[in-house]
C-alpha atoms as a PDB file:
ATOM      1  CA  MET A   1      76.407 148.340  76.248  1.00  0.00           C
ATOM      2  CA  SER A   2      78.857 150.830  77.798  1.00  0.00           C
ATOM      3  CA  ASN A   3      82.622 150.707  77.495  1.00  0.00           C
ATOM      4  CA  THR A   4      82.827 149.887  81.208  1.00  0.00           C
ATOM      5  CA  ASP A   5      80.604 146.824  80.735  1.00  0.00           C
ATOM      6  CA  THR A   6      82.693 145.721  77.781  1.00  0.00           C
ATOM      7  CA  LYS A   7      85.887 145.983  79.795  1.00  0.00           C
ATOM      8  CA  THR A   8      84.366 144.159  82.746  1.00  0.00           C
ATOM      9  CA  ASP A   9      83.221 141.310  80.498  1.00  0.00           C
ATOM     10  CA  GLY A  10      86.672 141.079  78.957  1.00  0.00           C
ATOM     11  CA  VAL A  11      88.420 140.887  82.322  1.00  0.00           C
ATOM     12  CA  ALA A  12      86.037 138.229  83.667  1.00  0.00           C
ATOM     13  CA  LYS A  13      86.751 135.643  80.946  1.00  0.00           C
ATOM     14  CA  PHE A  14      89.567 133.203  81.722  1.00  0.00           C
ATOM     15  CA  GLU A  15      88.706 130.283  79.416  1.00  0.00           C
ATOM     16  CA  ASP A  16      91.411 129.069  77.060  1.00  0.00           C
ATOM     17  CA  PRO A  17      89.858 128.815  73.582  1.00  0.00           C
ATOM     18  CA  HIS A  18      92.897 126.861  72.306  1.00  0.00           C
ATOM     19  CA  ARG A  19      92.745 124.036  74.858  1.00  0.00           C
ATOM     20  CA  GLY A  20      91.183 121.471  72.503  1.00  0.00           C
ATOM     21  CA  LEU A  21      90.094 117.900  73.246  1.00  0.00           C
ATOM     22  CA  ILE A  22      93.476 116.641  74.466  1.00  0.00           C
ATOM     23  CA  GLY A  23      93.952 119.722  76.623  1.00  0.00           C
ATOM     24  CA  THR A  24      90.497 119.246  78.128  1.00  0.00           C
ATOM     25  CA  VAL A  25      91.226 115.571  78.928  1.00  0.00           C
ATOM     26  CA  GLN A  26      94.547 116.619  80.458  1.00  0.00           C
ATOM     27  CA  HIS A  27      92.791 119.212  82.615  1.00  0.00           C
ATOM     28  CA  VAL A  28      90.087 116.771  83.771  1.00  0.00           C
ATOM     29  CA  LEU A  29      92.697 114.174  84.759  1.00  0.00           C
ATOM     30  CA  HIS A  30      94.740 116.849  86.522  1.00  0.00           C
ATOM     31  CA  THR A  31      91.779 117.958  88.633  1.00  0.00           C
ATOM     32  CA  ASN A  32      90.592 114.353  89.269  1.00  0.00           C
ATOM     33  CA  PRO A  33      93.762 112.337  89.975  1.00  0.00           C
ATOM     34  CA  ALA A  34      91.836 109.195  91.001  1.00  0.00           C
ATOM     35  CA  LEU A  35      90.115 108.985  87.613  1.00  0.00           C
ATOM     36  CA  VAL A  36      92.928 107.205  85.721  1.00  0.00           C
ATOM     37  CA  PRO A  37      93.355 104.349  88.256  1.00  0.00           C
ATOM     38  CA  LEU A  38      89.559 104.016  88.469  1.00  0.00           C
ATOM     39  CA  ILE A  39      89.336 103.601  84.677  1.00  0.00           C
ATOM     40  CA  VAL A  40      92.170 101.028  84.725  1.00  0.00           C
ATOM     41  CA  LEU A  41      90.516  99.173  87.631  1.00  0.00           C
ATOM     42  CA  VAL A  42      87.106  98.962  85.928  1.00  0.00           C
ATOM     43  CA  ALA A  43      88.718  97.936  82.606  1.00  0.00           C
ATOM     44  CA  SER A  44      90.782  95.172  84.245  1.00  0.00           C
ATOM     45  CA  ILE A  45      87.718  93.816  86.098  1.00  0.00           C
ATOM     46  CA  VAL A  46      85.710  93.786  82.844  1.00  0.00           C
ATOM     47  CA  VAL A  47      88.517  92.072  80.879  1.00  0.00           C
ATOM     48  CA  PHE A  48      89.123  89.345  83.476  1.00  0.00           C
ATOM     49  CA  GLY A  49      85.364  88.972  83.943  1.00  0.00           C
ATOM     50  CA  LEU A  50      84.898  88.343  80.212  1.00  0.00           C
ATOM     51  CA  LEU A  51      87.816  85.879  80.124  1.00  0.00           C
ATOM     52  CA  LEU A  52      86.959  83.962  83.301  1.00  0.00           C
ATOM     53  CA  GLY A  53      83.197  84.440  83.678  1.00  0.00           C
ATOM     54  CA  SER A  54      81.585  83.460  86.970  1.00  0.00           C
ATOM     55  CA  LYS A  55      84.874  82.072  88.271  1.00  0.00           C
ATOM     56  CA  PHE A  56      86.085  85.675  88.589  1.00  0.00           C
ATOM     57  CA  PHE A  57      82.779  87.493  89.090  1.00  0.00           C
ATOM     58  CA  SER A  58      81.665  85.429  92.095  1.00  0.00           C
ATOM     59  CA  PRO A  59      81.198  87.345  95.381  1.00  0.00           C
ATOM     60  CA  PHE A  60      83.854  85.139  97.013  1.00  0.00           C
ATOM     61  CA  ALA A  61      86.483  85.872  94.330  1.00  0.00           C
ATOM     62  CA  LEU A  62      85.892  89.631  94.340  1.00  0.00           C
ATOM     63  CA  THR A  63      86.057  89.894  98.130  1.00  0.00           C
ATOM     64  CA  LEU A  64      89.136  87.655  98.107  1.00  0.00           C
ATOM     65  CA  ILE A  65      90.862  90.496  96.235  1.00  0.00           C
ATOM     66  CA  LEU A  66      90.051  92.835  99.123  1.00  0.00           C
ATOM     67  CA  GLN A  67      91.397  90.325 101.637  1.00  0.00           C
ATOM     68  CA  GLN A  68      94.626  89.925  99.665  1.00  0.00           C
ATOM     69  CA  VAL A  69      95.299  93.663  99.358  1.00  0.00           C
ATOM     70  CA  GLN A  70      94.224  94.755 102.855  1.00  0.00           C
ATOM     71  CA  ILE A  71      97.770  94.826 104.304  1.00  0.00           C
ATOM     72  CA  VAL A  72      99.320  96.472 101.253  1.00  0.00           C
ATOM     73  CA  GLY A  73      96.388  98.904 101.127  1.00  0.00           C
ATOM     74  CA  ILE A  74      96.877 100.020 104.737  1.00  0.00           C
ATOM     75  CA  VAL A  75     100.641 100.461 104.302  1.00  0.00           C
ATOM     76  CA  ALA A  76     100.082 102.224 100.958  1.00  0.00           C
ATOM     77  CA  ALA A  77      97.769 104.701 102.726  1.00  0.00           C
ATOM     78  CA  ALA A  78     100.684 105.579 105.017  1.00  0.00           C
ATOM     79  CA  GLN A  79     103.057 105.795 102.050  1.00  0.00           C
ATOM     80  CA  SER A  80     100.595 108.098 100.248  1.00  0.00           C
ATOM     81  CA  LEU A  81     100.760 110.705 103.005  1.00  0.00           C
ATOM     82  CA  ILE A  82     104.538 110.785 102.827  1.00  0.00           C
ATOM     83  CA  ILE A  83     104.759 110.889  99.024  1.00  0.00           C
ATOM     84  CA  LEU A  84     102.216 113.720  98.961  1.00  0.00           C
ATOM     85  CA  THR A  85     104.816 115.783 100.876  1.00  0.00           C
ATOM     86  CA  ALA A  86     107.386 114.908  98.150  1.00  0.00           C
ATOM     87  CA  GLY A  87     109.028 112.357 100.435  1.00  0.00           C
ATOM     88  CA  ILE A  88     109.291 108.578 100.398  1.00  0.00           C
ATOM     89  CA  ASP A  89     109.485 105.930 103.125  1.00  0.00           C
ATOM     90  CA  LEU A  90     111.367 102.702 102.538  1.00  0.00           C
ATOM     91  CA  SER A  91     110.898 101.622 106.164  1.00  0.00           C
ATOM     92  CA  VAL A  92     107.089 101.204 106.148  1.00  0.00           C
ATOM     93  CA  GLY A  93     107.221  97.412 105.864  1.00  0.00           C
ATOM     94  CA  ALA A  94     109.805  97.062 108.612  1.00  0.00           C
ATOM     95  CA  ILE A  95     107.756  99.354 110.892  1.00  0.00           C
ATOM     96  CA  ALA A  96     104.669  97.198 110.332  1.00  0.00           C
ATOM     97  CA  VAL A  97     106.550  93.992 111.141  1.00  0.00           C
ATOM     98  CA  ILE A  98     108.366  95.262 114.254  1.00  0.00           C
ATOM     99  CA  SER A  99     105.077  96.678 115.556  1.00  0.00           C
ATOM    100  CA  SER A 100     103.511  93.231 115.226  1.00  0.00           C
ATOM    101  CA  VAL A 101     106.549  91.679 116.944  1.00  0.00           C
ATOM    102  CA  VAL A 102     106.259  94.158 119.834  1.00  0.00           C
ATOM    103  CA  MET A 103     102.577  93.253 120.232  1.00  0.00           C
ATOM    104  CA  GLY A 104     103.377  89.540 120.282  1.00  0.00           C
ATOM    105  CA  GLN A 105     106.472  89.669 122.486  1.00  0.00           C
ATOM    106  CA  PHE A 106     104.937  92.047 125.030  1.00  0.00           C
ATOM    107  CA  THR A 107     102.019  89.634 125.358  1.00  0.00           C
ATOM    108  CA  PHE A 108     103.869  86.315 125.486  1.00  0.00           C
ATOM    109  CA  ARG A 109     107.355  87.210 126.770  1.00  0.00           C
ATOM    110  CA  TYR A 110     106.412  89.810 129.389  1.00  0.00           C
ATOM    111  CA  GLY A 111     102.872  88.667 130.148  1.00  0.00           C
ATOM    112  CA  LEU A 112     101.283  92.075 129.630  1.00  0.00           C
ATOM    113  CA  PRO A 113      97.545  92.283 128.941  1.00  0.00           C
ATOM    114  CA  VAL A 114      97.018  91.987 125.203  1.00  0.00           C
ATOM    115  CA  GLU A 115      95.300  95.391 125.062  1.00  0.00           C
ATOM    116  CA  VAL A 116      98.401  97.032 126.543  1.00  0.00           C
ATOM    117  CA  ALA A 117     100.660  95.093 124.178  1.00  0.00           C
ATOM    118  CA  VAL A 118      98.666  96.279 121.153  1.00  0.00           C
ATOM    119  CA  ALA A 119      98.859  99.869 122.398  1.00  0.00           C
ATOM    120  CA  CYS A 120     102.644  99.519 122.854  1.00  0.00           C
ATOM    121  CA  GLY A 121     102.972  98.200 119.299  1.00  0.00           C
ATOM    122  CA  LEU A 122     101.005 101.172 117.946  1.00  0.00           C
ATOM    123  CA  LEU A 123     103.177 103.566 119.980  1.00  0.00           C
ATOM    124  CA  ALA A 124     106.357 101.892 118.698  1.00  0.00           C
ATOM    125  CA  GLY A 125     105.303 102.406 115.080  1.00  0.00           C
ATOM    126  CA  THR A 126     104.344 106.026 115.759  1.00  0.00           C
ATOM    127  CA  ALA A 127     107.672 106.692 117.510  1.00  0.00           C
ATOM    128  CA  ILE A 128     109.723 105.305 114.620  1.00  0.00           C
ATOM    129  CA  GLY A 129     107.716 107.408 112.186  1.00  0.00           C
ATOM    130  CA  TYR A 130     108.291 110.481 114.365  1.00  0.00           C
ATOM    131  CA  VAL A 131     112.053 109.922 114.310  1.00  0.00           C
ATOM    132  CA  ASN A 132     111.960 109.621 110.509  1.00  0.00           C
ATOM    133  CA  GLY A 133     110.013 112.880 110.283  1.00  0.00           C
ATOM    134  CA  TRP A 134     112.346 114.699 112.689  1.00  0.00           C
ATOM    135  CA  LEU A 135     115.419 113.654 110.708  1.00  0.00           C
ATOM    136  CA  VAL A 136     113.807 114.796 107.449  1.00  0.00           C
ATOM    137  CA  ALA A 137     112.257 118.054 108.709  1.00  0.00           C
ATOM    138  CA  VAL A 138     114.736 119.290 111.317  1.00  0.00           C
ATOM    139  CA  MET A 139     118.039 117.740 110.242  1.00  0.00           C
ATOM    140  CA  LYS A 140     117.176 118.335 106.547  1.00  0.00           C
ATOM    141  CA  LEU A 141     118.289 114.845 105.522  1.00  0.00           C
ATOM    142  CA  PRO A 142     116.897 113.351 102.281  1.00  0.00           C
ATOM    143  CA  PRO A 143     113.837 111.140 102.966  1.00  0.00           C
ATOM    144  CA  PHE A 144     115.234 108.351 100.767  1.00  0.00           C
ATOM    145  CA  ILE A 145     118.462 108.133 102.780  1.00  0.00           C
ATOM    146  CA  VAL A 146     116.763 108.508 106.173  1.00  0.00           C
ATOM    147  CA  THR A 147     114.210 105.773 105.543  1.00  0.00           C
ATOM    148  CA  LEU A 148     116.705 103.501 103.810  1.00  0.00           C
ATOM    149  CA  GLY A 149     118.838 103.665 106.945  1.00  0.00           C
ATOM    150  CA  MET A 150     115.823 103.261 109.224  1.00  0.00           C
ATOM    151  CA  TRP A 151     114.688 100.248 107.202  1.00  0.00           C
ATOM    152  CA  GLN A 152     118.016  98.506 107.926  1.00  0.00           C
ATOM    153  CA  ILE A 153     118.002  99.563 111.598  1.00  0.00           C
ATOM    154  CA  VAL A 154     114.432  98.419 112.234  1.00  0.00           C
ATOM    155  CA  LEU A 155     114.934  95.201 110.261  1.00  0.00           C
ATOM    156  CA  ALA A 156     117.999  94.302 112.332  1.00  0.00           C
ATOM    157  CA  ALA A 157     116.305  95.317 115.607  1.00  0.00           C
ATOM    158  CA  ASN A 158     113.316  93.198 114.635  1.00  0.00           C
ATOM    159  CA  PHE A 159     115.391  90.017 114.315  1.00  0.00           C
ATOM    160  CA  LEU A 160     117.602  90.781 117.331  1.00  0.00           C
ATOM    161  CA  TYR A 161     114.669  91.552 119.619  1.00  0.00           C
ATOM    162  CA  SER A 162     112.478  88.642 118.492  1.00  0.00           C
ATOM    163  CA  GLN A 163     115.473  86.256 118.383  1.00  0.00           C
ATOM    164  CA  ASN A 164     113.976  85.122 115.077  1.00  0.00           C
ATOM    165  CA  GLU A 165     111.165  83.470 117.050  1.00  0.00           C
ATOM    166  CA  THR A 166     107.724  82.948 115.535  1.00  0.00           C
ATOM    167  CA  ILE A 167     104.733  82.962 117.882  1.00  0.00           C
ATOM    168  CA  ARG A 168     102.423  80.233 116.651  1.00  0.00           C
ATOM    169  CA  SER A 169      98.865  80.827 115.489  1.00  0.00           C
ATOM    170  CA  GLN A 170      97.504  78.217 117.928  1.00  0.00           C
ATOM    171  CA  ASP A 171      99.070  79.927 120.934  1.00  0.00           C
ATOM    172  CA  ILE A 172      97.698  83.304 119.863  1.00  0.00           C
ATOM    173  CA  ALA A 173      94.193  81.912 119.282  1.00  0.00           C
ATOM    174  CA  ASN A 174      94.190  80.258 122.729  1.00  0.00           C
ATOM    175  CA  ASN A 175      95.807  82.987 124.816  1.00  0.00           C
ATOM    176  CA  ALA A 176      95.535  86.334 122.969  1.00  0.00           C
ATOM    177  CA  PRO A 177      92.792  86.236 120.301  1.00  0.00           C
ATOM    178  CA  LEU A 178      92.686  90.049 120.208  1.00  0.00           C
ATOM    179  CA  LEU A 179      95.940  89.950 118.238  1.00  0.00           C
ATOM    180  CA  GLN A 180      94.066  88.168 115.443  1.00  0.00           C
ATOM    181  CA  LEU A 181      91.052  90.510 115.575  1.00  0.00           C
ATOM    182  CA  LEU A 182      91.656  92.180 112.186  1.00  0.00           C
ATOM    183  CA  GLY A 183      91.739  88.747 110.547  1.00  0.00           C
ATOM    184  CA  ALA A 184      88.276  87.756 111.827  1.00  0.00           C
ATOM    185  CA  LYS A 185      85.936  86.898 108.940  1.00  0.00           C
ATOM    186  CA  PHE A 186      82.230  87.447 108.422  1.00  0.00           C
ATOM    187  CA  ASN A 187      79.936  86.497 105.549  1.00  0.00           C
ATOM    188  CA  ILE A 188      77.474  88.739 103.699  1.00  0.00           C
ATOM    189  CA  GLY A 189      75.557  87.036 100.892  1.00  0.00           C
ATOM    190  CA  GLY A 190      78.403  84.730  99.896  1.00  0.00           C
ATOM    191  CA  ALA A 191      80.974  87.526 100.092  1.00  0.00           C
ATOM    192  CA  VAL A 192      83.605  86.969 102.774  1.00  0.00           C
ATOM    193  CA  PHE A 193      84.996  90.059 104.498  1.00  0.00           C
ATOM    194  CA  THR A 194      87.502  90.512 107.305  1.00  0.00           C
ATOM    195  CA  VAL A 195      87.672  93.170 110.006  1.00  0.00           C
ATOM    196  CA  GLY A 196      90.936  94.246 108.372  1.00  0.00           C
ATOM    197  CA  VAL A 197      89.132  94.973 105.085  1.00  0.00           C
ATOM    198  CA  VAL A 198      86.571  97.092 106.948  1.00  0.00           C
ATOM    199  CA  PHE A 199      89.431  98.923 108.695  1.00  0.00           C
ATOM    200  CA  LEU A 200      91.091  99.625 105.323  1.00  0.00           C
ATOM    201  CA  VAL A 201      87.882 101.073 103.832  1.00  0.00           C
ATOM    202  CA  VAL A 202      87.239 103.230 106.922  1.00  0.00           C
ATOM    203  CA  LEU A 203      90.881 104.398 106.949  1.00  0.00           C
ATOM    204  CA  VAL A 204      90.717 105.438 103.283  1.00  0.00           C
ATOM    205  CA  ALA A 205      87.430 107.307 103.896  1.00  0.00           C
ATOM    206  CA  ILE A 206      88.852 109.160 106.927  1.00  0.00           C
ATOM    207  CA  LEU A 207      92.101 110.117 105.177  1.00  0.00           C
ATOM    208  CA  ALA A 208      90.215 111.218 102.055  1.00  0.00           C
ATOM    209  CA  TYR A 209      88.066 113.540 104.183  1.00  0.00           C
ATOM    210  CA  VAL A 210      90.997 114.853 106.234  1.00  0.00           C
ATOM    211  CA  LEU A 211      93.168 115.578 103.186  1.00  0.00           C
ATOM    212  CA  ARG A 212      90.340 117.321 101.349  1.00  0.00           C
ATOM    213  CA  HIS A 213      88.489 119.187 104.085  1.00  0.00           C
ATOM    214  CA  THR A 214      90.928 120.078 106.884  1.00  0.00           C
ATOM    215  CA  ALA A 215      93.716 122.630 107.259  1.00  0.00           C
ATOM    216  CA  TRP A 216      96.209 119.853 107.987  1.00  0.00           C
ATOM    217  CA  GLY A 217      95.297 118.109 104.739  1.00  0.00           C
ATOM    218  CA  ARG A 218      95.730 121.313 102.753  1.00  0.00           C
ATOM    219  CA  HIS A 219      99.099 121.857 104.424  1.00  0.00           C
ATOM    220  CA  VAL A 220     100.213 118.367 103.364  1.00  0.00           C
ATOM    221  CA  TYR A 221      99.501 119.197  99.718  1.00  0.00           C
ATOM    222  CA  ALA A 222     101.065 122.654 100.046  1.00  0.00           C
ATOM    223  CA  VAL A 223     104.309 121.251 101.488  1.00  0.00           C
ATOM    224  CA  GLY A 224     104.509 118.661  98.713  1.00  0.00           C
ATOM    225  CA  ASP A 225     103.830 121.198  96.000  1.00  0.00           C
ATOM    226  CA  ASP A 226     106.348 123.821  97.176  1.00  0.00           C
ATOM    227  CA  ALA A 227     107.686 123.718 100.745  1.00  0.00           C
ATOM    228  CA  ASP A 228     109.310 127.175 100.533  1.00  0.00           C
ATOM    229  CA  ALA A 229     106.138 128.823  99.238  1.00  0.00           C
ATOM    230  CA  ALA A 230     104.112 127.006 101.919  1.00  0.00           C
ATOM    231  CA  GLU A 231     106.412 128.330 104.658  1.00  0.00           C
ATOM    232  CA  LEU A 232     106.115 131.871 103.313  1.00  0.00           C
ATOM    233  CA  SER A 233     102.329 131.412 103.448  1.00  0.00           C
ATOM    234  CA  GLY A 234     102.488 130.649 107.162  1.00  0.00           C
ATOM    235  CA  VAL A 235     102.418 126.839 107.036  1.00  0.00           C
ATOM    236  CA  ASN A 236     104.441 125.102 109.763  1.00  0.00           C
ATOM    237  CA  VAL A 237     106.411 122.982 107.297  1.00  0.00           C
ATOM    238  CA  LYS A 238     108.549 121.169 109.888  1.00  0.00           C
ATOM    239  CA  GLY A 239     105.554 120.352 112.069  1.00  0.00           C
ATOM    240  CA  THR A 240     103.543 119.137 109.089  1.00  0.00           C
ATOM    241  CA  ILE A 241     106.308 116.830 107.861  1.00  0.00           C
ATOM    242  CA  ILE A 242     106.944 115.384 111.342  1.00  0.00           C
ATOM    243  CA  SER A 243     103.217 114.808 111.902  1.00  0.00           C
ATOM    244  CA  VAL A 244     102.872 113.105 108.498  1.00  0.00           C
ATOM    245  CA  TYR A 245     105.689 110.637 109.227  1.00  0.00           C
ATOM    246  CA  ALA A 246     104.347 109.982 112.749  1.00  0.00           C
ATOM    247  CA  VAL A 247     100.804 109.329 111.481  1.00  0.00           C
ATOM    248  CA  ALA A 248     102.253 107.102 108.743  1.00  0.00           C
ATOM    249  CA  GLY A 249     104.173 105.149 111.397  1.00  0.00           C
ATOM    250  CA  MET A 250     100.978 104.631 113.395  1.00  0.00           C
ATOM    251  CA  ILE A 251      99.107 103.456 110.286  1.00  0.00           C
ATOM    252  CA  CYS A 252     101.944 100.997 109.566  1.00  0.00           C
ATOM    253  CA  ALA A 253     101.604  99.695 113.125  1.00  0.00           C
ATOM    254  CA  PHE A 254      97.908  99.033 112.440  1.00  0.00           C
ATOM    255  CA  ALA A 255      99.052  97.183 109.304  1.00  0.00           C
ATOM    256  CA  GLY A 256     101.291  95.080 111.548  1.00  0.00           C
ATOM    257  CA  TRP A 257      98.278  94.237 113.706  1.00  0.00           C
ATOM    258  CA  ALA A 258      96.313  93.325 110.565  1.00  0.00           C
ATOM    259  CA  LEU A 259      99.282  91.220 109.417  1.00  0.00           C
ATOM    260  CA  ILE A 260      98.960  89.052 112.530  1.00  0.00           C
ATOM    261  CA  GLY A 261      95.293  88.503 111.707  1.00  0.00           C
ATOM    262  CA  ARG A 262      96.082  87.738 108.066  1.00  0.00           C
ATOM    263  CA  ILE A 263      98.809  85.104 108.628  1.00  0.00           C
ATOM    264  CA  GLY A 264      97.626  84.029 112.089  1.00  0.00           C
ATOM    265  CA  SER A 265     101.068  84.156 113.695  1.00  0.00           C
ATOM    266  CA  VAL A 266     103.672  86.739 114.717  1.00  0.00           C
ATOM    267  CA  SER A 267     106.629  86.243 112.414  1.00  0.00           C
ATOM    268  CA  PRO A 268     109.700  88.522 112.129  1.00  0.00           C
ATOM    269  CA  THR A 269     110.183  87.326 108.537  1.00  0.00           C
ATOM    270  CA  SER A 270     106.745  88.424 107.301  1.00  0.00           C
ATOM    271  CA  GLY A 271     105.981  91.493 105.198  1.00  0.00           C
ATOM    272  CA  GLN A 272     109.425  91.793 103.634  1.00  0.00           C
ATOM    273  CA  LEU A 273     108.114  93.315 100.372  1.00  0.00           C
ATOM    274  CA  LEU A 274     105.589  95.736 101.863  1.00  0.00           C
ATOM    275  CA  ASN A 275     107.769  98.791 101.181  1.00  0.00           C
ATOM    276  CA  ILE A 276     107.981  98.047  97.435  1.00  0.00           C
ATOM    277  CA  GLU A 277     104.362  96.890  97.185  1.00  0.00           C
ATOM    278  CA  SER A 278     103.113 100.055  98.898  1.00  0.00           C
ATOM    279  CA  ILE A 279     105.065 102.312  96.526  1.00  0.00           C
ATOM    280  CA  THR A 280     103.672 100.279  93.602  1.00  0.00           C
ATOM    281  CA  ALA A 281     100.080 100.859  94.764  1.00  0.00           C
ATOM    282  CA  VAL A 282     100.735 104.587  95.284  1.00  0.00           C
ATOM    283  CA  VAL A 283     102.317 105.085  91.853  1.00  0.00           C
ATOM    284  CA  ILE A 284      99.682 103.061  89.987  1.00  0.00           C
ATOM    285  CA  GLY A 285      97.096 104.987  92.003  1.00  0.00           C
ATOM    286  CA  GLY A 286      98.184 108.235  90.381  1.00  0.00           C
ATOM    287  CA  ILE A 287      99.914 110.012  93.269  1.00  0.00           C
ATOM    288  CA  SER A 288     102.809 112.023  91.883  1.00  0.00           C
ATOM    289  CA  LEU A 289     106.255 111.055  93.169  1.00  0.00           C
ATOM    290  CA  PHE A 290     107.087 114.779  92.964  1.00  0.00           C
ATOM    291  CA  GLY A 291     104.510 115.479  95.702  1.00  0.00           C
ATOM    292  CA  GLY A 292     101.529 117.777  95.966  1.00  0.00           C
ATOM    293  CA  ARG A 293      99.168 115.889  93.611  1.00  0.00           C
ATOM    294  CA  GLY A 294      97.059 112.783  93.946  1.00  0.00           C
ATOM    295  CA  SER A 295      94.400 111.270  96.186  1.00  0.00           C
ATOM    296  CA  ILE A 296      94.208 108.542  98.782  1.00  0.00           C
ATOM    297  CA  LEU A 297      91.285 107.063  96.841  1.00  0.00           C
ATOM    298  CA  GLY A 298      93.621 106.622  93.864  1.00  0.00           C
ATOM    299  CA  THR A 299      96.002 104.642  96.069  1.00  0.00           C
ATOM    300  CA  PHE A 300      93.116 102.390  97.123  1.00  0.00           C
ATOM    301  CA  PHE A 301      92.279 101.814  93.463  1.00  0.00           C
ATOM    302  CA  GLY A 302      95.981 101.167  92.764  1.00  0.00           C
ATOM    303  CA  ALA A 303      96.113  98.438  95.415  1.00  0.00           C
ATOM    304  CA  LEU A 304      92.930  96.892  93.991  1.00  0.00           C
ATOM    305  CA  ILE A 305      94.395  96.936  90.454  1.00  0.00           C
ATOM    306  CA  VAL A 306      97.363  94.888  91.670  1.00  0.00           C
ATOM    307  CA  GLY A 307      94.950  92.506  93.432  1.00  0.00           C
ATOM    308  CA  VAL A 308      92.778  92.105  90.329  1.00  0.00           C
ATOM    309  CA  PHE A 309      95.773  91.323  88.114  1.00  0.00           C
ATOM    310  CA  THR A 310      97.214  88.889  90.665  1.00  0.00           C
ATOM    311  CA  LEU A 311      93.978  86.929  91.158  1.00  0.00           C
ATOM    312  CA  GLY A 312      92.901  87.114  87.502  1.00  0.00           C
ATOM    313  CA  LEU A 313      96.183  85.730  86.157  1.00  0.00           C
ATOM    314  CA  ARG A 314      96.285  83.077  88.876  1.00  0.00           C
ATOM    315  CA  LEU A 315      92.774  81.875  87.969  1.00  0.00           C
ATOM    316  CA  MET A 316      93.874  81.753  84.309  1.00  0.00           C
ATOM    317  CA  GLY A 317      96.752  79.478  85.307  1.00  0.00           C
ATOM    318  CA  ALA A 318      99.387  81.945  84.089  1.00  0.00           C
ATOM    319  CA  ASP A 319     102.942  81.959  85.398  1.00  0.00           C
ATOM    320  CA  ALA A 320     103.334  84.286  88.396  1.00  0.00           C
ATOM    321  CA  GLN A 321     106.069  86.187  86.527  1.00  0.00           C
ATOM    322  CA  TRP A 322     103.421  87.576  84.155  1.00  0.00           C
ATOM    323  CA  THR A 323     101.909  89.387  87.131  1.00  0.00           C
ATOM    324  CA  TYR A 324     105.209  91.127  87.896  1.00  0.00           C
ATOM    325  CA  LEU A 325     105.727  91.914  84.206  1.00  0.00           C
ATOM    326  CA  LEU A 326     102.312  93.549  83.778  1.00  0.00           C
ATOM    327  CA  ILE A 327     102.559  95.441  87.067  1.00  0.00           C
ATOM    328  CA  GLY A 328     105.974  96.715  85.969  1.00  0.00           C
ATOM    329  CA  VAL A 329     104.422  97.996  82.737  1.00  0.00           C
ATOM    330  CA  LEU A 330     101.635  99.655  84.746  1.00  0.00           C
ATOM    331  CA  ILE A 331     104.165 101.423  86.997  1.00  0.00           C
ATOM    332  CA  ILE A 332     106.068 102.904  84.046  1.00  0.00           C
ATOM    333  CA  ALA A 333     102.814 103.830  82.305  1.00  0.00           C
ATOM    334  CA  ALA A 334     101.485 105.494  85.467  1.00  0.00           C
ATOM    335  CA  VAL A 335     104.596 107.672  85.827  1.00  0.00           C
ATOM    336  CA  ALA A 336     104.457 108.570  82.108  1.00  0.00           C
ATOM    337  CA  VAL A 337     100.784 109.581  82.443  1.00  0.00           C
ATOM    338  CA  ASP A 338     101.628 111.621  85.561  1.00  0.00           C
ATOM    339  CA  GLN A 339     104.326 113.509  83.652  1.00  0.00           C
ATOM    340  CA  TRP A 340     101.901 114.154  80.793  1.00  0.00           C
ATOM    341  CA  ILE A 341      99.180 115.384  83.166  1.00  0.00           C
ATOM    342  CA  ARG A 342     101.654 117.649  85.015  1.00  0.00           C
ATOM    343  CA  LYS A 343     102.187 119.605  81.787  1.00  0.00           C
ATOM    344  CA  VAL A 344      98.774 121.195  82.314  1.00  0.00           C
ATOM    345  CA  ALA A 345     100.086 122.863  85.457  1.00  0.00           C
ATOM    346  CA  ALA A 346     103.305 124.014  83.818  1.00  0.00           C
END
């Protein structure tokens, strides 16, 4: 073998011989961010299945988990996009609720066709998200402060506009059934699904594809990883951030529509904890709060983990506070694991 060949071989080798088992695990988890929540999800299903047997493993019980997490899952998908850009949105729940209120009030107060009312609700959510994005990207205000303020503004506007009036389920079913569309149920072999569950699964699949295989998706990760470096690389950072918040607002509006289907009525007091619950699903799902790392599939698994724990403990007859305690432990553990995994990129 010639000296040239020897040099070429030496230059071509980039493997780290000192990585070891722990380093290899760290690397695998770093390159597959949805793997940790998937392992936790499967383990929790197995544990509760062994403890509860057919009571937990029945098709009805397992699909009930999907029904229970559909709203949180949709909102968490919106939250994921924002956290991937190293932001955060505390107004997601309020956006979902006011969008549902707009749909209901435009139908029953102003007599607009229900299709137009739904479209107006979706536009309202998108517009609020756009304003959030503009304040963050153009005015350079911290996302936490912007969305904390917007949460209060939208919450107050929600109650002022609706006059704290709930539109009853009966009235909606009789006069505007389209508002309850995402709550419609259908049965497949004993498993009960809703249109909202199907929407959640389709949404996750679309976002997973877009984030992985499109330029916009790559820009989202690039902005979250290092906004300055992304800008120097030619990424329109301001446009990306604004578009992310606007898309998130639209997704939250769809969650508001699903919320009407889930509870049957249009209530300004519904969905008060969606902002916290969505962040919980995102964090447990392995998306880094520092931005630039994670997957939408992980968020979906994170929402399912919360659903499994909630239903499993309820079927065991445990106090509801145990659910919050264990989810709190999972949140801290998820952040600790994220910090440990991030060391591989350091």
